[in-house]
């Protein structure tokens, strides 16, 4: 039943969230019900009825407000996750409807300040950066899918001019729109590297396992085996003065979807997805001689998930050997290499088989359990980086055997720009040296020390790890 009148409350108190969960505001003229803290323009008092419960609102024929989402609130879900992911879905469907951060704010009914906070927490990007990225992704998909004129595709993705479209497309994909379209039917393409690009650390990362079965690095080349819709292949990246030449070695011609996957993998492996200039400008003294340093990502989410679980609480050399054993057992042979196993292949392994290859029984269970979750669709590991960061961490830590360190490591290697895997011993040692502390900081101290680097903690960690090598 509706709350009796008079009921003592003010609009200012309600907007603060003080009454959320205590009553709901029903608006007869619009037919909706809202949380008391809803940011929409307040209705006239004579059109308002206060209700005790959501059931009463529904019984009165009212529907949930799409801005404050009282339905999510009463289900115990995070309304900010829903707000971000709902907006993301709208932008991806009709990017041309959103011209700037202001249009995103108006669509969600929040201030620009609130919008910035929302995107910092969930996208690890400023709203305008995120919007540019989504437009480019929309245009890239259209370029491979059809034969519309390049500029028509640019306008359709929301770009206001040809010059802006070309500039932003190149910045995000490291190719011109025309060159990207030429991926259809191709097997060789050039990735334009930014000025000051550092290849040393990228090459070293991909050479971390000298006996690697699915990736290796020799000289200026990186080799990586990948699984695609058109079968397994080996991607060869040659870092030259003019850029990074990518060559595909496959048994058959690849379709557009497979070439898009190869291009995406190349950008990830070369550390080209996240910007470095804003971080370097803000932390110039800390960056010092490491200017241009980038964080290489793993080409697939499941690769990162498996790495995170395998690497829990063991030395890197032992972790690489265990990963090699998994690839030997379940990877698909392609030439002299093997692909990283699919989730289905790992899910079909037994604990006993992994234990015979030096896995602890608990680590084997965690790995197989995570693979099963991905294989049956309970966890969309490949789509995780396009959603909310906060939701991603929650989904990952819901898996048995995955804590904060593993979840954030997976996020870091998957492309989230502000993931700090607290509990990482190398990171703690680097922070101790950086701040000249008498002992290594614990997890709580590490969390606090890393705040200064937000929203670029992922790149900061790469600098911290690299600083240890410089000191040795």
Protein backbone atom coordinates (compact mmCIF):
# COMPACT_ATOMS: atom_id res chain seq x y z
CA UNK A 1 0.00 0.00 0.00
CA UNK A 2 1.05 3.61 -0.53
CA UNK A 3 2.72 5.46 2.29
CA UNK A 4 0.34 7.53 4.41
CA UNK A 5 0.47 11.32 4.10
CA UNK A 6 1.98 13.46 5.37
CA UNK A 7 5.43 11.83 5.16
CA UNK A 8 8.37 14.00 6.17
CA UNK A 9 11.04 14.15 3.45
CA UNK A 10 12.69 16.72 1.22
CA UNK A 11 13.95 16.53 -2.34
CA UNK A 12 17.49 17.33 -1.16
CA UNK A 13 17.43 14.45 1.33
CA UNK A 14 16.09 12.09 -1.29
CA UNK A 15 18.73 13.03 -3.88
CA UNK A 16 21.45 12.17 -1.36
CA UNK A 17 20.29 8.55 -1.37
CA UNK A 18 19.10 8.68 2.23
CA UNK A 19 15.69 7.18 1.40
CA UNK A 20 16.71 4.61 -1.24
CA UNK A 21 15.28 1.29 -0.12
CA UNK A 22 12.80 2.98 2.23
CA UNK A 23 10.21 4.06 -0.33
CA UNK A 24 9.67 4.54 -4.06
CA UNK A 25 8.32 7.49 -5.99
CA UNK A 26 5.44 6.72 -8.37
CA UNK A 27 4.63 9.31 -11.04
CA UNK A 28 1.12 9.03 -12.45
CA UNK A 29 1.71 11.29 -15.47
CA UNK A 30 4.64 9.25 -16.81
CA UNK A 31 3.65 5.84 -15.48
CA UNK A 32 7.06 5.13 -13.96
CA UNK A 33 8.45 4.54 -10.49
CA UNK A 34 11.83 5.79 -9.33
CA UNK A 35 14.28 5.63 -6.49
CA UNK A 36 14.12 8.76 -4.32
CA UNK A 37 17.64 9.63 -5.53
CA UNK A 38 16.65 9.58 -9.23
CA UNK A 39 18.40 12.48 -11.06
CA UNK A 40 15.46 13.21 -13.38
CA UNK A 41 13.60 16.51 -13.14
CA UNK A 42 11.31 16.31 -10.10
CA UNK A 43 7.61 15.81 -10.94
CA UNK A 44 4.88 18.04 -9.58
CA UNK A 45 3.88 16.99 -6.03
CA UNK A 46 0.27 16.42 -7.04
CA UNK A 47 1.38 13.75 -9.54
CA UNK A 48 3.44 11.78 -7.01
CA UNK A 49 2.47 8.76 -4.94
CA UNK A 50 4.91 7.17 -2.50
CA UNK A 51 5.02 3.38 -2.32
CA UNK A 52 6.60 1.08 0.24
CA UNK A 53 7.67 -1.71 -2.15
CA UNK A 54 8.39 -2.42 -5.79
CA UNK A 55 5.53 -4.94 -5.83
CA UNK A 56 3.09 -2.17 -4.97
CA UNK A 57 4.44 -0.04 -7.82
CA UNK A 58 3.96 -2.85 -10.30
CA UNK A 59 0.47 -3.56 -8.96
CA UNK A 60 -0.38 0.08 -9.62
CA UNK A 61 0.61 -0.38 -13.27
CA UNK A 62 3.89 1.52 -13.06
CA UNK A 63 7.12 0.54 -14.83
CA UNK A 64 10.71 0.94 -13.65
CA UNK A 65 12.60 4.15 -14.50
CA UNK A 66 15.35 3.57 -17.08
CA UNK A 67 17.67 6.12 -15.50
CA UNK A 68 17.82 5.22 -11.82
CA UNK A 69 16.89 1.51 -12.41
CA UNK A 70 14.99 0.74 -9.19
CA UNK A 71 14.43 -2.79 -10.51
CA UNK A 72 18.19 -3.43 -10.41
CA UNK A 73 18.50 -1.78 -7.01
CA UNK A 74 15.93 -4.14 -5.50
CA UNK A 75 17.59 -7.16 -7.11
CA UNK A 76 20.84 -6.19 -5.44
CA UNK A 77 22.58 -5.40 -8.72
CA UNK A 78 24.93 -2.47 -9.27
CA UNK A 79 22.95 0.25 -11.01
CA UNK A 80 26.17 1.88 -12.25
CA UNK A 81 27.19 -1.31 -14.05
CA UNK A 82 23.76 -1.43 -15.65
CA UNK A 83 23.97 2.28 -16.51
CA UNK A 84 27.36 1.88 -18.20
CA UNK A 85 26.59 -1.34 -20.04
CA UNK A 86 23.17 -0.08 -21.11
CA UNK A 87 24.73 3.06 -22.55
CA UNK A 88 27.45 1.02 -24.25
CA UNK A 89 24.83 -1.12 -25.97
CA UNK A 90 23.00 1.98 -27.22
CA UNK A 91 26.18 3.55 -28.59
CA UNK A 92 27.23 0.35 -30.35
CA UNK A 93 23.84 0.09 -31.99
CA UNK A 94 23.63 3.73 -33.14
CA UNK A 95 27.01 5.50 -32.71
CA UNK A 96 25.92 8.32 -35.00
CA UNK A 97 23.42 9.42 -32.33
CA UNK A 98 26.23 10.37 -29.92
CA UNK A 99 28.42 13.28 -30.93
CA UNK A 100 30.39 13.92 -27.73
CA UNK A 101 30.59 13.36 -23.98
CA UNK A 102 27.69 15.76 -23.50
CA UNK A 103 25.39 13.55 -25.56
CA UNK A 104 26.44 10.53 -23.48
CA UNK A 105 25.63 12.44 -20.29
CA UNK A 106 22.22 13.51 -21.59
CA UNK A 107 21.40 9.95 -22.63
CA UNK A 108 22.08 8.68 -19.12
CA UNK A 109 20.64 11.64 -17.26
CA UNK A 110 23.81 12.36 -15.31
CA UNK A 111 26.22 15.29 -15.06
CA UNK A 112 29.49 15.37 -16.97
CA UNK A 113 31.31 14.87 -13.65
CA UNK A 114 29.27 11.76 -12.86
CA UNK A 115 29.78 10.52 -16.43
CA UNK A 116 33.57 10.90 -16.08
CA UNK A 117 33.49 8.94 -12.81
CA UNK A 118 31.34 6.24 -14.42
CA UNK A 119 33.72 5.75 -17.34
CA UNK A 120 36.83 5.90 -15.16
CA UNK A 121 35.48 3.08 -12.99
CA UNK A 122 33.97 0.89 -15.69
CA UNK A 123 35.81 1.62 -18.96
CA UNK A 124 39.14 2.87 -17.57
CA UNK A 125 38.86 5.62 -20.19
CA UNK A 126 37.55 9.16 -20.44
CA UNK A 127 34.09 9.25 -22.09
CA UNK A 128 35.39 10.94 -25.25
CA UNK A 129 38.21 8.38 -25.60
CA UNK A 130 35.77 5.52 -25.21
CA UNK A 131 33.37 7.02 -27.75
CA UNK A 132 36.17 7.39 -30.34
CA UNK A 133 37.19 3.78 -29.81
CA UNK A 134 33.64 2.51 -30.29
CA UNK A 135 33.17 4.54 -33.46
CA UNK A 136 36.39 3.15 -34.90
CA UNK A 137 35.34 -0.41 -34.05
CA UNK A 138 32.00 0.12 -35.75
CA UNK A 139 33.70 1.51 -38.85
CA UNK A 140 36.28 -1.30 -38.92
CA UNK A 141 33.56 -3.96 -38.89
CA UNK A 142 31.69 -2.20 -41.69
CA UNK A 143 34.84 -1.89 -43.81
CA UNK A 144 35.33 -5.66 -43.80
CA UNK A 145 31.65 -6.54 -44.08
CA UNK A 146 30.61 -4.59 -47.18
CA UNK A 147 31.54 -2.34 -50.08
CA UNK A 148 30.05 0.99 -49.03
CA UNK A 149 32.22 4.02 -49.68
CA UNK A 150 34.82 4.56 -46.99
CA UNK A 151 33.53 8.01 -46.05
CA UNK A 152 29.92 6.82 -45.92
CA UNK A 153 31.09 4.28 -43.37
CA UNK A 154 32.85 7.04 -41.44
CA UNK A 155 29.72 9.18 -41.32
CA UNK A 156 27.65 6.15 -40.38
CA UNK A 157 29.92 5.55 -37.39
CA UNK A 158 29.43 9.12 -36.19
CA UNK A 159 32.54 10.90 -37.51
CA UNK A 160 31.91 14.51 -38.49
CA UNK A 161 34.48 14.79 -41.29
CA UNK A 162 36.76 12.75 -43.51
CA UNK A 163 39.93 14.12 -41.92
CA UNK A 164 38.74 13.31 -38.38
CA UNK A 165 37.71 9.82 -39.45
CA UNK A 166 41.07 9.03 -41.05
CA UNK A 167 43.06 10.49 -38.17
CA UNK A 168 41.18 8.67 -35.43
CA UNK A 169 40.98 5.40 -37.38
CA UNK A 170 44.75 5.44 -37.88
CA UNK A 171 45.33 6.27 -34.22
CA UNK A 172 43.30 3.28 -33.05
CA UNK A 173 44.02 0.62 -35.70
CA UNK A 174 47.47 1.82 -36.86
CA UNK A 175 46.18 1.51 -40.44
CA UNK A 176 44.26 3.79 -42.80
CA UNK A 177 40.65 2.79 -43.52
CA UNK A 178 41.61 1.77 -47.05
CA UNK A 179 44.50 -0.39 -45.86
CA UNK A 180 42.25 -2.01 -43.25
CA UNK A 181 39.65 -2.88 -45.89
CA UNK A 182 42.44 -4.52 -47.92
CA UNK A 183 42.76 -7.11 -45.13
CA UNK A 184 39.98 -8.95 -46.96
CA UNK A 185 41.74 -11.58 -49.00
CA UNK A 186 45.18 -10.47 -47.88
CA UNK A 187 47.89 -12.23 -45.91
CA UNK A 188 50.42 -9.41 -45.41
CA UNK A 189 49.77 -5.98 -43.90
CA UNK A 190 51.73 -3.11 -42.36
CA UNK A 191 51.01 -1.70 -38.91
CA UNK A 192 52.22 1.89 -38.56
CA UNK A 193 54.10 2.27 -35.29
CA UNK A 194 53.86 5.53 -33.31
CA UNK A 195 56.84 7.87 -32.98
CA UNK A 196 59.26 6.76 -30.28
CA UNK A 197 57.97 3.19 -30.26
CA UNK A 198 60.16 0.93 -28.10
CA UNK A 199 60.48 -2.60 -29.45
CA UNK A 200 63.05 -3.93 -26.97
CA UNK A 201 60.64 -4.74 -24.14
CA UNK A 202 57.95 -6.04 -26.51
CA UNK A 203 60.36 -8.48 -28.13
CA UNK A 204 61.69 -9.55 -24.72
CA UNK A 205 58.18 -10.26 -23.41
CA UNK A 206 57.36 -12.59 -26.28
CA UNK A 207 60.71 -14.34 -25.77
CA UNK A 208 60.02 -15.09 -22.08
CA UNK A 209 59.85 -18.83 -22.78
CA UNK A 210 62.85 -19.81 -24.95
CA UNK A 211 61.22 -23.19 -25.56
CA UNK A 212 57.79 -21.72 -26.24
CA UNK A 213 55.42 -23.80 -28.32
CA UNK A 214 52.79 -21.18 -29.14
CA UNK A 215 54.94 -18.04 -29.32
CA UNK A 216 58.57 -17.11 -29.64
CA UNK A 217 60.71 -14.11 -30.47
CA UNK A 218 63.99 -14.11 -32.37
CA UNK A 219 65.84 -10.98 -33.45
CA UNK A 220 63.25 -8.46 -34.61
CA UNK A 221 60.55 -11.09 -35.20
CA UNK A 222 57.70 -12.46 -33.13
CA UNK A 223 55.89 -15.68 -34.03
CA UNK A 224 52.50 -16.51 -32.53
CA UNK A 225 50.18 -19.40 -33.35
CA UNK A 226 46.47 -18.61 -33.27
CA UNK A 227 43.15 -20.41 -33.60
CA UNK A 228 40.70 -18.81 -36.07
CA UNK A 229 37.38 -19.72 -37.67
CA UNK A 230 39.37 -20.75 -40.75
CA UNK A 231 41.76 -23.00 -38.86
CA UNK A 232 45.08 -22.61 -37.07
CA UNK A 233 47.78 -20.27 -38.34
CA UNK A 234 51.05 -18.65 -37.40
CA UNK A 235 51.26 -14.86 -37.25
CA UNK A 236 54.71 -13.45 -37.96
CA UNK A 237 55.45 -9.89 -36.85
CA UNK A 238 58.63 -8.21 -38.12
CA UNK A 239 59.47 -4.92 -36.45
CA UNK A 240 61.12 -2.72 -39.08
CA UNK A 241 61.88 1.00 -39.43
CA UNK A 242 58.74 1.61 -41.51
CA UNK A 243 56.50 -0.25 -39.05
CA UNK A 244 55.54 -3.77 -38.09
CA UNK A 245 54.99 -6.12 -41.02
CA UNK A 246 52.43 -8.81 -40.26
CA UNK A 247 52.49 -12.01 -42.31
CA UNK A 248 49.95 -14.79 -41.98
CA UNK A 249 51.08 -18.39 -42.52
CA UNK A 250 47.99 -20.53 -42.94
CA UNK A 251 46.87 -23.57 -44.89
CA UNK A 252 43.99 -21.70 -46.52
CA UNK A 253 42.76 -18.23 -47.38
CA UNK A 254 41.29 -16.44 -44.38
CA UNK A 255 37.87 -14.81 -44.25
CA UNK A 256 37.25 -11.25 -42.99
CA UNK A 257 36.47 -12.37 -39.41
CA UNK A 258 39.74 -14.28 -39.15
CA UNK A 259 41.75 -11.38 -40.57
CA UNK A 260 40.10 -9.02 -38.10
CA UNK A 261 41.14 -11.39 -35.30
CA UNK A 262 44.73 -11.48 -36.61
CA UNK A 263 44.90 -7.68 -36.78
CA UNK A 264 43.48 -7.40 -33.27
CA UNK A 265 46.02 -9.94 -31.99
CA UNK A 266 48.87 -8.00 -33.59
CA UNK A 267 47.85 -4.73 -31.93
CA UNK A 268 47.56 -6.44 -28.56
CA UNK A 269 50.92 -8.18 -28.81
CA UNK A 270 52.63 -4.93 -29.83
CA UNK A 271 51.06 -3.01 -26.94
CA UNK A 272 49.24 -0.58 -29.22
CA UNK A 273 45.78 -0.47 -27.68
CA UNK A 274 46.31 1.86 -24.72
CA UNK A 275 47.68 5.38 -24.99
CA UNK A 276 50.95 6.21 -23.22
CA UNK A 277 51.25 10.01 -23.68
CA UNK A 278 48.74 11.04 -20.96
CA UNK A 279 50.53 8.84 -18.42
CA UNK A 280 53.99 10.02 -19.45
CA UNK A 281 52.93 13.67 -19.28
CA UNK A 282 51.45 13.27 -15.80
CA UNK A 283 54.33 11.16 -14.41
CA UNK A 284 57.31 12.45 -16.39
CA UNK A 285 59.78 12.12 -13.52
CA UNK A 286 58.78 8.53 -12.79
CA UNK A 287 58.87 7.55 -16.48
CA UNK A 288 62.32 9.06 -16.99
CA UNK A 289 64.38 7.11 -19.55
CA UNK A 290 61.55 4.62 -20.13
CA UNK A 291 59.55 7.04 -22.28
CA UNK A 292 57.65 5.13 -24.95
CA UNK A 293 57.36 1.94 -22.89
CA UNK A 294 54.19 -0.03 -23.62
CA UNK A 295 52.38 -2.93 -22.03
CA UNK A 296 52.03 -5.95 -24.35
CA UNK A 297 48.71 -7.77 -24.10
CA UNK A 298 47.81 -11.38 -24.76
CA UNK A 299 45.95 -12.04 -28.01
CA UNK A 300 43.02 -13.87 -26.42
CA UNK A 301 41.21 -13.62 -23.12
CA UNK A 302 41.49 -17.33 -22.43
CA UNK A 303 45.26 -17.17 -22.93
CA UNK A 304 45.33 -14.51 -20.19
CA UNK A 305 43.00 -16.46 -17.92
CA UNK A 306 45.09 -19.63 -18.20
CA UNK A 307 48.32 -17.65 -17.65
CA UNK A 308 46.87 -16.01 -14.55
CA UNK A 309 45.84 -19.30 -12.96
CA UNK A 310 49.03 -21.13 -13.88
CA UNK A 311 51.21 -18.30 -12.57
CA UNK A 312 49.58 -18.10 -9.14
CA UNK A 313 52.19 -18.12 -6.34
CA UNK A 314 54.98 -19.74 -8.34
CA UNK A 315 58.18 -18.55 -9.99
CA UNK A 316 57.96 -17.33 -13.61
CA UNK A 317 60.29 -20.02 -14.94
CA UNK A 318 58.18 -22.79 -13.41
CA UNK A 319 54.96 -21.10 -14.63
CA UNK A 320 56.22 -21.00 -18.23
CA UNK A 321 57.15 -24.69 -18.07
CA UNK A 322 53.67 -25.61 -16.74
CA UNK A 323 52.02 -23.56 -19.47
CA UNK A 324 54.18 -25.35 -22.04
CA UNK A 325 52.95 -28.68 -20.69
CA UNK A 326 49.32 -27.60 -21.11
CA UNK A 327 49.95 -26.47 -24.69
CA UNK A 328 51.72 -29.75 -25.46
CA UNK A 329 48.74 -31.70 -24.11
CA UNK A 330 45.86 -29.75 -25.64
CA UNK A 331 47.15 -27.34 -28.29
CA UNK A 332 46.61 -27.91 -32.01
CA UNK A 333 49.72 -28.48 -34.11
CA UNK A 334 50.42 -25.87 -36.80
CA UNK A 335 53.75 -26.23 -38.57
CA UNK A 336 56.49 -26.50 -35.94
CA UNK A 337 54.32 -24.78 -33.34
CA UNK A 338 51.15 -25.46 -31.37
CA UNK A 339 48.25 -23.13 -30.72
CA UNK A 340 47.25 -22.12 -27.23
CA UNK A 341 44.50 -24.61 -26.30
CA UNK A 342 40.86 -23.61 -26.60
CA UNK A 343 38.69 -23.58 -23.46
CA UNK A 344 36.98 -26.75 -24.72
CA UNK A 345 40.30 -28.55 -25.10
CA UNK A 346 41.43 -27.64 -21.58
CA UNK A 347 38.03 -28.53 -20.14
CA UNK A 348 38.49 -32.03 -21.56
CA UNK A 349 41.76 -32.55 -19.69
CA UNK A 350 41.73 -34.43 -16.41
CA UNK A 351 43.22 -33.36 -13.11
CA UNK A 352 45.24 -36.57 -13.10
CA UNK A 353 46.76 -35.82 -16.50
CA UNK A 354 47.82 -32.32 -15.44
CA UNK A 355 49.05 -33.57 -12.07
CA UNK A 356 51.31 -36.01 -13.92
CA UNK A 357 52.80 -32.93 -15.63
CA UNK A 358 53.78 -31.30 -12.27
CA UNK A 359 50.57 -29.33 -11.69
CA UNK A 360 49.31 -29.30 -8.13
CA UNK A 361 45.86 -30.87 -7.91
CA UNK A 362 44.31 -27.57 -6.80
CA UNK A 363 45.87 -25.62 -9.70
CA UNK A 364 44.67 -28.27 -12.15
CA UNK A 365 41.14 -28.05 -10.73
CA UNK A 366 41.12 -24.25 -10.96
CA UNK A 367 42.35 -24.30 -14.57
CA UNK A 368 39.90 -26.96 -15.74
CA UNK A 369 37.03 -25.33 -13.83
CA UNK A 370 37.70 -21.94 -15.45
CA UNK A 371 37.92 -23.57 -18.88
CA UNK A 372 34.59 -25.31 -18.30
CA UNK A 373 32.96 -21.99 -17.32
CA UNK A 374 34.16 -20.38 -20.55
CA UNK A 375 33.30 -23.40 -22.70
CA UNK A 376 29.69 -23.60 -21.48
CA UNK A 377 29.17 -19.84 -21.87
CA UNK A 378 29.01 -18.97 -18.17
CA UNK A 379 31.94 -16.55 -18.66
CA UNK A 380 32.44 -14.55 -21.86
CA UNK A 381 36.17 -14.16 -21.41
CA UNK A 382 36.75 -12.70 -24.89
CA UNK A 383 34.02 -10.07 -24.51
CA UNK A 384 35.03 -9.08 -20.98
CA UNK A 385 37.20 -6.05 -21.95
CA UNK A 386 34.29 -4.41 -23.79
CA UNK A 387 32.13 -4.41 -20.67
CA UNK A 388 32.40 -2.95 -17.20
CA UNK A 389 35.75 -3.35 -15.42
CA UNK A 390 34.00 -3.67 -12.08
CA UNK A 391 31.69 -6.34 -13.44
CA UNK A 392 34.67 -8.14 -15.02
CA UNK A 393 36.50 -8.37 -11.71
CA UNK A 394 33.37 -9.66 -10.00
CA UNK A 395 32.80 -12.32 -12.68
CA UNK A 396 36.40 -13.49 -12.54
CA UNK A 397 36.62 -13.70 -8.75
CA UNK A 398 33.37 -15.69 -8.75
CA UNK A 399 35.35 -18.57 -10.31
CA UNK A 400 36.76 -21.08 -7.85
CA UNK A 401 40.43 -20.44 -7.15
CA UNK A 402 40.57 -16.92 -8.61
CA UNK A 403 41.32 -14.04 -6.27
CA UNK A 404 42.02 -10.35 -6.79
CA UNK A 405 45.58 -10.85 -8.08
CA UNK A 406 44.56 -13.33 -10.77
CA UNK A 407 41.48 -11.38 -11.80
CA UNK A 408 43.37 -8.14 -12.21
CA UNK A 409 46.26 -9.81 -13.98
CA UNK A 410 43.78 -11.22 -16.51
CA UNK A 411 42.25 -7.76 -16.88
CA UNK A 412 45.66 -6.13 -17.24
CA UNK A 413 46.71 -8.50 -20.03
CA UNK A 414 43.25 -8.23 -21.59
CA UNK A 415 43.42 -4.48 -22.15
CA UNK A 416 41.92 -2.78 -19.10
CA UNK A 417 44.04 0.31 -18.52
CA UNK A 418 43.67 0.67 -14.75
CA UNK A 419 44.07 -2.83 -13.29
CA UNK A 420 46.48 -3.21 -10.37
CA UNK A 421 47.08 -6.86 -9.39
CA UNK A 422 47.83 -6.25 -5.73
CA UNK A 423 49.70 -9.16 -4.24
CA UNK A 424 52.23 -9.19 -7.08
CA UNK A 425 55.63 -9.59 -5.40
CA UNK A 426 57.62 -7.89 -8.18
CA UNK A 427 55.32 -4.88 -8.11
CA UNK A 428 55.67 -4.62 -4.32
CA UNK A 429 59.48 -4.80 -4.57
CA UNK A 430 59.52 -2.08 -7.23
CA UNK A 431 57.31 0.17 -5.08
CA UNK A 432 59.60 -0.42 -2.12
CA UNK A 433 62.59 0.77 -4.15
CA UNK A 434 60.70 3.66 -5.71
CA UNK A 435 59.58 5.06 -2.35
CA UNK A 436 62.70 3.91 -0.43
CA UNK A 437 60.61 1.97 2.09
CA UNK A 438 62.28 -0.10 4.87
CA UNK A 439 60.32 -3.19 3.79
CA UNK A 440 58.05 -4.37 1.01
CA UNK A 441 54.52 -2.95 1.24
CA UNK A 442 51.71 -5.40 2.00
CA UNK A 443 48.58 -5.63 -0.16
CA UNK A 444 46.77 -2.78 1.56
CA UNK A 445 49.80 -0.49 1.32
CA UNK A 446 50.36 -1.49 -2.31
CA UNK A 447 46.77 -0.58 -3.15
CA UNK A 448 47.24 2.86 -1.62
CA UNK A 449 50.61 3.48 -3.31
CA UNK A 450 49.17 2.59 -6.72
CA UNK A 451 46.31 5.11 -6.47
CA UNK A 452 48.63 7.89 -7.62
CA UNK A 453 48.86 6.21 -11.03
CA UNK A 454 45.13 5.89 -11.65
CA UNK A 455 43.65 5.73 -14.29
CA UNK A 456 46.82 4.26 -15.85
CA UNK A 457 47.81 1.63 -13.29
CA UNK A 458 48.28 -1.10 -15.89
CA UNK A 459 50.97 0.88 -17.70
CA UNK A 460 52.46 1.96 -14.37
CA UNK A 461 52.96 -1.70 -13.47
CA UNK A 462 54.87 -2.27 -16.70
CA UNK A 463 57.16 0.62 -15.70
CA UNK A 464 57.58 -0.81 -12.20
CA UNK A 465 58.44 -4.28 -13.51
CA UNK A 466 60.89 -2.80 -16.02
CA UNK A 467 62.52 -0.65 -13.33
CA UNK A 468 63.58 -3.82 -11.49
CA UNK A 469 65.51 -4.98 -14.55
CA UNK A 470 67.21 -1.61 -14.79
CA UNK A 471 68.33 -1.84 -11.16
CA UNK A 472 69.70 -5.37 -11.49
